[in-house]
Amino acid sequence: MSENKGLLAQRNGEGNILIYPTFRVPEDWLHVCGIPFDQPNLARSGLLKLFAGWNHELTDLIRHCDDNTFLTRPLYTLPIDHSWSTRSGVTLLGDAAHLMTPFAGKGANLAMLDAVELVHAIRQSNDLIRAISSYEQAMYERAAAAAKETADSLAVCIAPDAPHRVIETITRLRQ
């Protein structure tokens, strides 16, 4: 991670490693960057240019990847304190309620907790609107804390001075 970009890898099943080149760029970057992601060899070459000067053991993840599919996924978020007015018979949970980047690993767990909390709120109340409102109020607080953590983590990881910020953050957390 450095210079507003990162090369992240995740071990998956069957010995596979997913590679996530990550960039802090303007929203229209995919349309103006000139990398044809639907043409694997040109996409690989374009990505390698973006990581020129990085350690070859890291860039080898791109160079030697055997999958010829390059999926692009812009990351979006909702504001940390996002909320809405309660409505009868409808609410939101998971990403629909609190969309955030994966930089704290909270999304799937929050979605499952939302579902459980909504069911409990409905079962414990004879008033559906009150149950939904109760669920939403607790969810807003929980989601705001996770969204802040995620935003803070993204700001540390994908930043101009990311390596130093990551080390400082880890050192501070260990104290």
Protein backbone atom coordinates (compact mmCIF):
# COMPACT_ATOMS: atom_id res chain seq x y z
CA MET A 1 0.00 0.00 0.00
CA SER A 2 1.42 3.32 -1.05
CA GLU A 3 0.73 6.37 -3.19
CA ASN A 4 -3.08 6.06 -2.96
CA LYS A 5 -3.04 2.48 -4.18
CA GLY A 6 -2.63 -1.02 -2.87
CA LEU A 7 -2.04 -4.50 -4.13
CA LEU A 8 -4.06 -6.78 -1.90
CA ALA A 9 -4.29 -10.57 -2.06
CA GLN A 10 -6.72 -12.97 -0.43
CA ARG A 11 -6.27 -16.73 -0.13
CA ASN A 12 -9.39 -18.60 -1.22
CA GLY A 13 -10.35 -22.25 -1.50
CA GLU A 14 -8.64 -24.79 -3.74
CA GLY A 15 -5.31 -22.96 -3.47
CA ASN A 16 -6.56 -19.87 -5.30
CA ILE A 17 -5.48 -16.34 -4.51
CA LEU A 18 -7.67 -13.41 -5.48
CA ILE A 19 -5.77 -10.22 -6.28
CA TYR A 20 -7.26 -6.79 -5.67
CA PRO A 21 -5.35 -3.88 -7.19
CA THR A 22 -6.92 -0.95 -5.33
CA PHE A 23 -6.78 2.74 -6.20
CA ARG A 24 -8.04 6.03 -4.77
CA VAL A 25 -9.03 7.70 -8.02
CA PRO A 26 -11.78 9.95 -9.43
CA GLU A 27 -15.10 8.24 -10.03
CA ASP A 28 -14.69 8.29 -13.82
CA TRP A 29 -11.21 6.71 -13.71
CA LEU A 30 -12.31 3.38 -15.21
CA HIS A 31 -13.55 5.24 -18.27
CA VAL A 32 -10.50 7.46 -18.70
CA CYS A 33 -7.55 5.32 -17.51
CA GLY A 34 -7.08 3.70 -20.90
CA ILE A 35 -6.82 0.16 -19.55
CA PRO A 36 -9.00 -2.26 -21.54
CA PHE A 37 -10.02 -4.59 -18.70
CA ASP A 38 -11.90 -6.82 -21.15
CA GLN A 39 -8.59 -7.65 -22.87
CA PRO A 40 -6.60 -9.64 -20.28
CA ASN A 41 -3.07 -9.21 -21.65
CA LEU A 42 -3.52 -5.45 -22.12
CA ALA A 43 -5.20 -5.15 -18.71
CA ARG A 44 -2.29 -7.01 -17.08
CA SER A 45 0.21 -4.75 -18.86
CA GLY A 46 -1.70 -1.60 -17.85
CA LEU A 47 -1.87 -2.67 -14.21
CA LEU A 48 1.83 -3.50 -14.17
CA LYS A 49 2.59 0.02 -15.42
CA LEU A 50 0.56 1.45 -12.54
CA PHE A 51 2.68 -0.58 -10.10
CA ALA A 52 6.02 0.12 -11.80
CA GLY A 53 8.79 0.29 -9.23
CA TRP A 54 6.98 -1.96 -6.75
CA ASN A 55 8.68 -5.12 -5.48
CA HIS A 56 8.60 -7.78 -8.21
CA GLU A 57 7.33 -10.40 -5.76
CA LEU A 58 4.19 -8.29 -5.38
CA THR A 59 3.79 -7.41 -9.05
CA ASP A 60 4.30 -11.08 -9.92
CA LEU A 61 0.79 -11.56 -8.49
CA ILE A 62 -0.46 -9.61 -11.51
CA ARG A 63 2.18 -10.82 -13.97
CA HIS A 64 1.59 -14.53 -13.33
CA CYS A 65 -2.10 -14.58 -12.60
CA ASP A 66 -3.64 -17.40 -14.61
CA ASP A 67 -7.17 -16.08 -14.68
CA ASN A 68 -7.98 -14.05 -17.73
CA THR A 69 -10.87 -12.23 -16.08
CA PHE A 70 -10.33 -8.73 -14.76
CA LEU A 71 -13.39 -7.49 -12.93
CA THR A 72 -13.58 -3.84 -12.00
CA ARG A 73 -15.55 -2.90 -8.91
CA PRO A 74 -15.81 0.71 -7.85
CA LEU A 75 -16.32 1.04 -4.10
CA TYR A 76 -19.08 3.28 -2.84
CA THR A 77 -20.24 4.19 0.64
CA LEU A 78 -23.17 5.83 2.33
CA PRO A 79 -22.48 8.69 4.74
CA ILE A 80 -21.43 7.46 8.18
CA ASP A 81 -24.52 8.89 9.87
CA HIS A 82 -27.00 7.85 7.16
CA SER A 83 -30.59 7.42 8.35
CA TRP A 84 -34.16 7.81 7.14
CA SER A 85 -37.66 8.30 8.45
CA THR A 86 -39.33 5.12 9.63
CA ARG A 87 -42.08 3.87 7.33
CA SER A 88 -44.76 1.35 8.06
CA GLY A 89 -43.97 -2.15 6.86
CA VAL A 90 -40.59 -1.45 5.26
CA THR A 91 -36.99 -0.99 6.35
CA LEU A 92 -33.48 -1.70 5.14
CA LEU A 93 -30.67 -3.91 6.34
CA GLY A 94 -27.17 -4.88 5.27
CA ASP A 95 -25.56 -2.92 2.45
CA ALA A 96 -28.88 -1.29 1.55
CA ALA A 97 -28.90 0.35 4.99
CA HIS A 98 -25.19 0.99 5.58
CA LEU A 99 -23.07 0.52 2.48
CA MET A 100 -19.36 0.74 3.32
CA THR A 101 -16.05 -0.43 1.88
CA PRO A 102 -14.60 -3.77 3.01
CA PHE A 103 -11.65 -2.17 4.83
CA ALA A 104 -12.81 -3.28 8.28
CA GLY A 105 -14.46 -6.57 7.34
CA LYS A 106 -17.79 -5.65 8.95
CA GLY A 107 -20.36 -5.83 6.14
CA ALA A 108 -21.54 -9.44 6.13
CA ASN A 109 -21.58 -9.68 9.92
CA LEU A 110 -23.57 -6.45 10.20
CA ALA A 111 -26.09 -7.70 7.64
CA MET A 112 -26.64 -10.93 9.60
CA LEU A 113 -26.92 -9.03 12.88
CA ASP A 114 -29.39 -6.62 11.26
CA ALA A 115 -31.60 -9.54 10.22
CA VAL A 116 -31.55 -11.09 13.70
CA GLU A 117 -32.19 -7.75 15.42
CA LEU A 118 -35.08 -6.94 13.08
CA VAL A 119 -36.72 -10.31 13.75
CA HIS A 120 -36.33 -9.83 17.52
CA ALA A 121 -37.75 -6.30 17.36
CA ILE A 122 -40.80 -7.49 15.41
CA ARG A 123 -41.39 -10.51 17.66
CA GLN A 124 -41.15 -8.42 20.83
CA SER A 125 -43.64 -5.76 19.78
CA ASN A 126 -47.30 -5.62 18.90
CA ASP A 127 -46.70 -2.43 16.95
CA LEU A 128 -44.88 -2.97 13.65
CA ILE A 129 -43.91 0.69 13.20
CA ARG A 130 -42.50 0.85 16.72
CA ALA A 131 -40.61 -2.42 16.14
CA ILE A 132 -39.09 -1.14 12.91
CA SER A 133 -38.18 2.18 14.50
CA SER A 134 -36.55 0.43 17.44
CA TYR A 135 -34.53 -1.80 15.11
CA GLU A 136 -33.50 1.19 12.97
CA GLN A 137 -32.31 3.29 15.90
CA ALA A 138 -30.07 0.49 17.20
CA MET A 139 -28.88 -0.30 13.67
CA TYR A 140 -27.96 3.35 12.95
CA GLU A 141 -25.70 3.45 16.00
CA ARG A 142 -24.08 0.09 15.24
CA ALA A 143 -23.65 0.92 11.54
CA ALA A 144 -22.20 4.38 12.22
CA ALA A 145 -19.49 2.89 14.44
CA ALA A 146 -18.61 0.28 11.81
CA ALA A 147 -18.74 2.82 8.96
CA LYS A 148 -16.37 5.12 10.84
CA GLU A 149 -13.98 2.25 11.49
CA THR A 150 -14.12 1.27 7.83
CA ALA A 151 -13.60 4.86 6.62
CA ASP A 152 -10.68 5.29 9.02
CA SER A 153 -9.13 2.03 7.86
CA LEU A 154 -9.53 2.97 4.19
CA ALA A 155 -7.95 6.36 4.91
CA VAL A 156 -4.94 4.60 6.45
CA CYS A 157 -4.56 1.88 3.82
CA ILE A 158 -5.13 3.74 0.57
CA ALA A 159 -3.31 7.01 1.16
CA PRO A 160 -0.27 8.83 -0.22
CA ASP A 161 1.75 7.83 2.85
CA ALA A 162 0.04 4.50 3.50
CA PRO A 163 3.02 2.43 4.71
CA HIS A 164 3.85 4.96 7.43
CA ARG A 165 0.21 5.42 8.44
CA VAL A 166 -0.34 1.64 8.67
CA ILE A 167 2.74 1.20 10.89
CA GLU A 168 1.71 4.14 13.10
CA THR A 169 -1.82 2.76 13.44
CA ILE A 170 -0.63 -0.75 14.31
CA THR A 171 1.83 0.66 16.85
CA ARG A 172 -0.88 2.80 18.44
CA LEU A 173 -3.32 -0.14 18.62
CA ARG A 174 -0.75 -2.37 20.29
CA GLN A 175 -0.14 0.15 23.09
